[in-house]
Amino acid sequence: MTKEEMMNAIAGKLKLVNVGVINADSIDDSKIDELTDLYDMVMKRENISPSEMTAITEALGNLRK
């Protein structure tokens, strides 16, 4: 799965309104394993609390170049 596909799936699962904030091109290629782990965790969750959503978006921000 590509970075773009993972980012789109995460944004869809989190129901993010401003998906431009998490642009796949801004994710450092060396952090693809971290993105994959985050993707796997988000996709396994049935429900995501507001505090978890904040933590996930912060984690995505930390993956930027």
PDB file of N, CA and C in Angstrom:
ATOM      1  N   MET A   1       0.853  -1.174   0.000  1.00  0.00           N
ATOM      2  CA  MET A   1       0.000   0.000   0.000  1.00  0.00           C
ATOM      3  C   MET A   1       0.901   1.240   0.000  1.00  0.00           C
ATOM      4  N   THR A   2       0.511   2.234  -0.759  1.00  0.00           N
ATOM      5  CA  THR A   2       1.323   3.451  -0.853  1.00  0.00           C
ATOM      6  C   THR A   2       1.046   4.400   0.308  1.00  0.00           C
ATOM      7  N   LYS A   3       1.938   5.383   0.469  1.00  0.00           N
ATOM      8  CA  LYS A   3       1.736   6.407   1.506  1.00  0.00           C
ATOM      9  C   LYS A   3       0.410   7.117   1.279  1.00  0.00           C
ATOM     10  N   GLU A   4       0.116   7.442   0.027  1.00  0.00           N
ATOM     11  CA  GLU A   4      -1.117   8.152  -0.295  1.00  0.00           C
ATOM     12  C   GLU A   4      -2.352   7.359   0.101  1.00  0.00           C
ATOM     13  N   GLU A   5      -2.328   6.058  -0.207  1.00  0.00           N
ATOM     14  CA  GLU A   5      -3.464   5.206   0.139  1.00  0.00           C
ATOM     15  C   GLU A   5      -3.647   5.098   1.645  1.00  0.00           C
ATOM     16  N   MET A   6      -2.540   4.954   2.371  1.00  0.00           N
ATOM     17  CA  MET A   6      -2.630   4.879   3.828  1.00  0.00           C
ATOM     18  C   MET A   6      -3.153   6.185   4.414  1.00  0.00           C
ATOM     19  N   MET A   7      -2.635   7.310   3.921  1.00  0.00           N
ATOM     20  CA  MET A   7      -3.071   8.611   4.433  1.00  0.00           C
ATOM     21  C   MET A   7      -4.552   8.845   4.146  1.00  0.00           C
ATOM     22  N   ASN A   8      -4.998   8.492   2.939  1.00  0.00           N
ATOM     23  CA  ASN A   8      -6.409   8.651   2.600  1.00  0.00           C
ATOM     24  C   ASN A   8      -7.304   7.768   3.465  1.00  0.00           C
ATOM     25  N   ALA A   9      -6.859   6.546   3.734  1.00  0.00           N
ATOM     26  CA  ALA A   9      -7.635   5.638   4.573  1.00  0.00           C
ATOM     27  C   ALA A   9      -7.706   6.152   6.008  1.00  0.00           C
ATOM     28  N   ILE A  10      -6.592   6.657   6.527  1.00  0.00           N
ATOM     29  CA  ILE A  10      -6.576   7.212   7.887  1.00  0.00           C
ATOM     30  C   ILE A  10      -7.496   8.424   7.960  1.00  0.00           C
ATOM     31  N   ALA A  11      -7.393   9.321   6.977  1.00  0.00           N
ATOM     32  CA  ALA A  11      -8.240  10.517   6.959  1.00  0.00           C
ATOM     33  C   ALA A  11      -9.712  10.136   6.898  1.00  0.00           C
ATOM     34  N   GLY A  12     -10.032   9.122   6.100  1.00  0.00           N
ATOM     35  CA  GLY A  12     -11.419   8.659   5.998  1.00  0.00           C
ATOM     36  C   GLY A  12     -11.916   8.054   7.303  1.00  0.00           C
ATOM     37  N   LYS A  13     -11.085   7.260   7.933  1.00  0.00           N
ATOM     38  CA  LYS A  13     -11.465   6.616   9.194  1.00  0.00           C
ATOM     39  C   LYS A  13     -11.669   7.655  10.298  1.00  0.00           C
ATOM     40  N   LEU A  14     -10.812   8.700  10.293  1.00  0.00           N
ATOM     41  CA  LEU A  14     -10.919   9.742  11.314  1.00  0.00           C
ATOM     42  C   LEU A  14     -11.957  10.792  10.959  1.00  0.00           C
ATOM     43  N   LYS A  15     -12.491  10.681   9.731  1.00  0.00           N
ATOM     44  CA  LYS A  15     -13.480  11.654   9.238  1.00  0.00           C
ATOM     45  C   LYS A  15     -12.936  13.071   9.316  1.00  0.00           C
ATOM     46  N   LEU A  16     -11.679  13.230   8.877  1.00  0.00           N
ATOM     47  CA  LEU A  16     -11.045  14.540   8.902  1.00  0.00           C
ATOM     48  C   LEU A  16     -11.647  15.436   7.836  1.00  0.00           C
ATOM     49  N   VAL A  17     -11.940  16.665   8.215  1.00  0.00           N
ATOM     50  CA  VAL A  17     -12.516  17.633   7.288  1.00  0.00           C
ATOM     51  C   VAL A  17     -11.418  18.240   6.424  1.00  0.00           C
ATOM     52  N   ASN A  18     -10.319  18.644   7.038  1.00  0.00           N
ATOM     53  CA  ASN A  18      -9.235  19.290   6.330  1.00  0.00           C
ATOM     54  C   ASN A  18      -8.128  18.271   6.043  1.00  0.00           C
ATOM     55  N   VAL A  19      -8.320  17.452   5.010  1.00  0.00           N
ATOM     56  CA  VAL A  19      -7.360  16.406   4.702  1.00  0.00           C
ATOM     57  C   VAL A  19      -6.063  16.955   4.128  1.00  0.00           C
ATOM     58  N   GLY A  20      -6.055  18.200   3.707  1.00  0.00           N
ATOM     59  CA  GLY A  20      -4.838  18.822   3.205  1.00  0.00           C
ATOM     60  C   GLY A  20      -3.767  18.934   4.274  1.00  0.00           C
ATOM     61  N   VAL A  21      -4.172  18.881   5.515  1.00  0.00           N
ATOM     62  CA  VAL A  21      -3.231  18.977   6.632  1.00  0.00           C
ATOM     63  C   VAL A  21      -2.295  17.773   6.650  1.00  0.00           C
ATOM     64  N   ILE A  22      -2.767  16.634   6.172  1.00  0.00           N
ATOM     65  CA  ILE A  22      -1.948  15.424   6.193  1.00  0.00           C
ATOM     66  C   ILE A  22      -1.617  14.994   4.769  1.00  0.00           C
ATOM     67  N   ASN A  23      -0.797  15.745   4.115  1.00  0.00           N
ATOM     68  CA  ASN A  23      -0.379  15.474   2.755  1.00  0.00           C
ATOM     69  C   ASN A  23       0.657  14.345   2.740  1.00  0.00           C
ATOM     70  N   ALA A  24       0.413  13.330   1.950  1.00  0.00           N
ATOM     71  CA  ALA A  24       1.318  12.173   1.894  1.00  0.00           C
ATOM     72  C   ALA A  24       2.710  12.561   1.412  1.00  0.00           C
ATOM     73  N   ASP A  25       2.794  13.562   0.546  1.00  0.00           N
ATOM     74  CA  ASP A  25       4.100  13.993   0.044  1.00  0.00           C
ATOM     75  C   ASP A  25       4.979  14.585   1.132  1.00  0.00           C
ATOM     76  N   SER A  26       4.361  15.034   2.209  1.00  0.00           N
ATOM     77  CA  SER A  26       5.146  15.636   3.288  1.00  0.00           C
ATOM     78  C   SER A  26       5.694  14.597   4.267  1.00  0.00           C
ATOM     79  N   ILE A  27       5.311  13.333   4.092  1.00  0.00           N
ATOM     80  CA  ILE A  27       5.789  12.274   4.977  1.00  0.00           C
ATOM     81  C   ILE A  27       7.168  11.815   4.504  1.00  0.00           C
ATOM     82  N   ASP A  28       8.108  11.830   5.409  1.00  0.00           N
ATOM     83  CA  ASP A  28       9.479  11.404   5.125  1.00  0.00           C
ATOM     84  C   ASP A  28       9.478   9.913   4.778  1.00  0.00           C
ATOM     85  N   ASP A  29      10.117   9.559   3.667  1.00  0.00           N
ATOM     86  CA  ASP A  29      10.168   8.156   3.238  1.00  0.00           C
ATOM     87  C   ASP A  29      10.813   7.244   4.277  1.00  0.00           C
ATOM     88  N   SER A  30      11.704   7.794   5.072  1.00  0.00           N
ATOM     89  CA  SER A  30      12.365   6.972   6.092  1.00  0.00           C
ATOM     90  C   SER A  30      11.417   6.614   7.242  1.00  0.00           C
ATOM     91  N   LYS A  31      10.242   7.215   7.258  1.00  0.00           N
ATOM     92  CA  LYS A  31       9.281   6.965   8.342  1.00  0.00           C
ATOM     93  C   LYS A  31       8.087   6.147   7.867  1.00  0.00           C
ATOM     94  N   ILE A  32       8.245   5.444   6.761  1.00  0.00           N
ATOM     95  CA  ILE A  32       7.150   4.648   6.211  1.00  0.00           C
ATOM     96  C   ILE A  32       6.719   3.538   7.166  1.00  0.00           C
ATOM     97  N   ASP A  33       7.668   2.955   7.906  1.00  0.00           N
ATOM     98  CA  ASP A  33       7.315   1.901   8.862  1.00  0.00           C
ATOM     99  C   ASP A  33       6.428   2.455   9.980  1.00  0.00           C
ATOM    100  N   GLU A  34       6.738   3.669  10.443  1.00  0.00           N
ATOM    101  CA  GLU A  34       5.915   4.298  11.480  1.00  0.00           C
ATOM    102  C   GLU A  34       4.517   4.601  10.943  1.00  0.00           C
ATOM    103  N   LEU A  35       4.444   5.060   9.688  1.00  0.00           N
ATOM    104  CA  LEU A  35       3.145   5.333   9.072  1.00  0.00           C
ATOM    105  C   LEU A  35       2.344   4.037   8.946  1.00  0.00           C
ATOM    106  N   THR A  36       3.006   2.963   8.559  1.00  0.00           N
ATOM    107  CA  THR A  36       2.333   1.661   8.427  1.00  0.00           C
ATOM    108  C   THR A  36       1.795   1.195   9.776  1.00  0.00           C
ATOM    109  N   ASP A  37       2.582   1.354  10.831  1.00  0.00           N
ATOM    110  CA  ASP A  37       2.128   0.973  12.173  1.00  0.00           C
ATOM    111  C   ASP A  37       0.915   1.793  12.588  1.00  0.00           C
ATOM    112  N   LEU A  38       0.961   3.095  12.323  1.00  0.00           N
ATOM    113  CA  LEU A  38      -0.151   3.980  12.666  1.00  0.00           C
ATOM    114  C   LEU A  38      -1.394   3.595  11.864  1.00  0.00           C
ATOM    115  N   TYR A  39      -1.213   3.328  10.587  1.00  0.00           N
ATOM    116  CA  TYR A  39      -2.307   2.902   9.717  1.00  0.00           C
ATOM    117  C   TYR A  39      -2.950   1.621  10.257  1.00  0.00           C
ATOM    118  N   ASP A  40      -2.119   0.625  10.585  1.00  0.00           N
ATOM    119  CA  ASP A  40      -2.637  -0.647  11.099  1.00  0.00           C
ATOM    120  C   ASP A  40      -3.440  -0.445  12.372  1.00  0.00           C
ATOM    121  N   MET A  41      -2.936   0.400  13.271  1.00  0.00           N
ATOM    122  CA  MET A  41      -3.626   0.655  14.538  1.00  0.00           C
ATOM    123  C   MET A  41      -4.981   1.335  14.295  1.00  0.00           C
ATOM    124  N   VAL A  42      -4.996   2.339  13.426  1.00  0.00           N
ATOM    125  CA  VAL A  42      -6.236   3.075  13.157  1.00  0.00           C
ATOM    126  C   VAL A  42      -7.271   2.166  12.493  1.00  0.00           C
ATOM    127  N   MET A  43      -6.845   1.357  11.544  1.00  0.00           N
ATOM    128  CA  MET A  43      -7.787   0.507  10.819  1.00  0.00           C
ATOM    129  C   MET A  43      -8.371  -0.597  11.703  1.00  0.00           C
ATOM    130  N   LYS A  44      -7.660  -1.013  12.728  1.00  0.00           N
ATOM    131  CA  LYS A  44      -8.154  -2.061  13.625  1.00  0.00           C
ATOM    132  C   LYS A  44      -9.197  -1.533  14.607  1.00  0.00           C
ATOM    133  N   ARG A  45      -9.210  -0.227  14.831  1.00  0.00           N
ATOM    134  CA  ARG A  45     -10.109   0.358  15.824  1.00  0.00           C
ATOM    135  C   ARG A  45     -11.517   0.505  15.275  1.00  0.00           C
ATOM    136  N   GLU A  46     -12.489   0.128  16.075  1.00  0.00           N
ATOM    137  CA  GLU A  46     -13.891   0.306  15.703  1.00  0.00           C
ATOM    138  C   GLU A  46     -14.301   1.758  15.929  1.00  0.00           C
ATOM    139  N   ASN A  47     -13.945   2.270  17.098  1.00  0.00           N
ATOM    140  CA  ASN A  47     -14.258   3.655  17.460  1.00  0.00           C
ATOM    141  C   ASN A  47     -12.987   4.353  17.914  1.00  0.00           C
ATOM    142  N   ILE A  48     -12.899   5.645  17.606  1.00  0.00           N
ATOM    143  CA  ILE A  48     -11.737   6.428  17.996  1.00  0.00           C
ATOM    144  C   ILE A  48     -12.240   7.636  18.778  1.00  0.00           C
ATOM    145  N   SER A  49     -11.758   7.772  20.006  1.00  0.00           N
ATOM    146  CA  SER A  49     -12.193   8.876  20.867  1.00  0.00           C
ATOM    147  C   SER A  49     -11.554  10.178  20.388  1.00  0.00           C
ATOM    148  N   PRO A  50     -12.123  11.300  20.792  1.00  0.00           N
ATOM    149  CA  PRO A  50     -11.537  12.591  20.420  1.00  0.00           C
ATOM    150  C   PRO A  50     -10.081  12.738  20.879  1.00  0.00           C
ATOM    151  N   SER A  51      -9.758  12.236  22.061  1.00  0.00           N
ATOM    152  CA  SER A  51      -8.376  12.349  22.527  1.00  0.00           C
ATOM    153  C   SER A  51      -7.443  11.466  21.702  1.00  0.00           C
ATOM    154  N   GLU A  52      -7.929  10.289  21.291  1.00  0.00           N
ATOM    155  CA  GLU A  52      -7.132   9.423  20.424  1.00  0.00           C
ATOM    156  C   GLU A  52      -6.941  10.057  19.056  1.00  0.00           C
ATOM    157  N   MET A  53      -7.981  10.716  18.554  1.00  0.00           N
ATOM    158  CA  MET A  53      -7.894  11.391  17.268  1.00  0.00           C
ATOM    159  C   MET A  53      -6.821  12.483  17.311  1.00  0.00           C
ATOM    160  N   THR A  54      -6.789  13.222  18.412  1.00  0.00           N
ATOM    161  CA  THR A  54      -5.774  14.261  18.585  1.00  0.00           C
ATOM    162  C   THR A  54      -4.381  13.645  18.595  1.00  0.00           C
ATOM    163  N   ALA A  55      -4.221  12.552  19.308  1.00  0.00           N
ATOM    164  CA  ALA A  55      -2.922  11.883  19.384  1.00  0.00           C
ATOM    165  C   ALA A  55      -2.495  11.354  18.006  1.00  0.00           C
ATOM    166  N   ILE A  56      -3.435  10.822  17.258  1.00  0.00           N
ATOM    167  CA  ILE A  56      -3.123  10.289  15.931  1.00  0.00           C
ATOM    168  C   ILE A  56      -2.706  11.410  14.982  1.00  0.00           C
ATOM    169  N   THR A  57      -3.441  12.518  14.986  1.00  0.00           N
ATOM    170  CA  THR A  57      -3.069  13.623  14.104  1.00  0.00           C
ATOM    171  C   THR A  57      -1.721  14.221  14.506  1.00  0.00           C
ATOM    172  N   GLU A  58      -1.430  14.250  15.803  1.00  0.00           N
ATOM    173  CA  GLU A  58      -0.111  14.711  16.249  1.00  0.00           C
ATOM    174  C   GLU A  58       0.981  13.755  15.779  1.00  0.00           C
ATOM    175  N   ALA A  59       0.706  12.462  15.839  1.00  0.00           N
ATOM    176  CA  ALA A  59       1.678  11.464  15.376  1.00  0.00           C
ATOM    177  C   ALA A  59       1.925  11.625  13.875  1.00  0.00           C
ATOM    178  N   LEU A  60       0.861  11.891  13.116  1.00  0.00           N
ATOM    179  CA  LEU A  60       1.033  12.131  11.685  1.00  0.00           C
ATOM    180  C   LEU A  60       1.892  13.367  11.449  1.00  0.00           C
ATOM    181  N   GLY A  61       1.662  14.402  12.232  1.00  0.00           N
ATOM    182  CA  GLY A  61       2.470  15.616  12.121  1.00  0.00           C
ATOM    183  C   GLY A  61       3.942  15.360  12.396  1.00  0.00           C
ATOM    184  N   ASN A  62       4.222  14.443  13.307  1.00  0.00           N
ATOM    185  CA  ASN A  62       5.602  14.116  13.638  1.00  0.00           C
ATOM    186  C   ASN A  62       6.303  13.333  12.540  1.00  0.00           C
ATOM    187  N   LEU A  63       5.542  12.798  11.608  1.00  0.00           N
ATOM    188  CA  LEU A  63       6.128  12.034  10.495  1.00  0.00           C
ATOM    189  C   LEU A  63       6.557  12.922   9.343  1.00  0.00           C
ATOM    190  N   ARG A  64       6.216  14.196   9.420  1.00  0.00           N
ATOM    191  CA  ARG A  64       6.564  15.120   8.323  1.00  0.00           C
ATOM    192  C   ARG A  64       8.060  15.289   8.212  1.00  0.00           C
ATOM    193  N   LYS A  65       8.464  15.659   6.991  1.00  0.00           N
ATOM    194  CA  LYS A  65       9.890  15.920   6.720  1.00  0.00           C
ATOM    195  C   LYS A  65      10.373  17.129   7.465  1.00  0.00           C
TER     196      LYS A  65
END
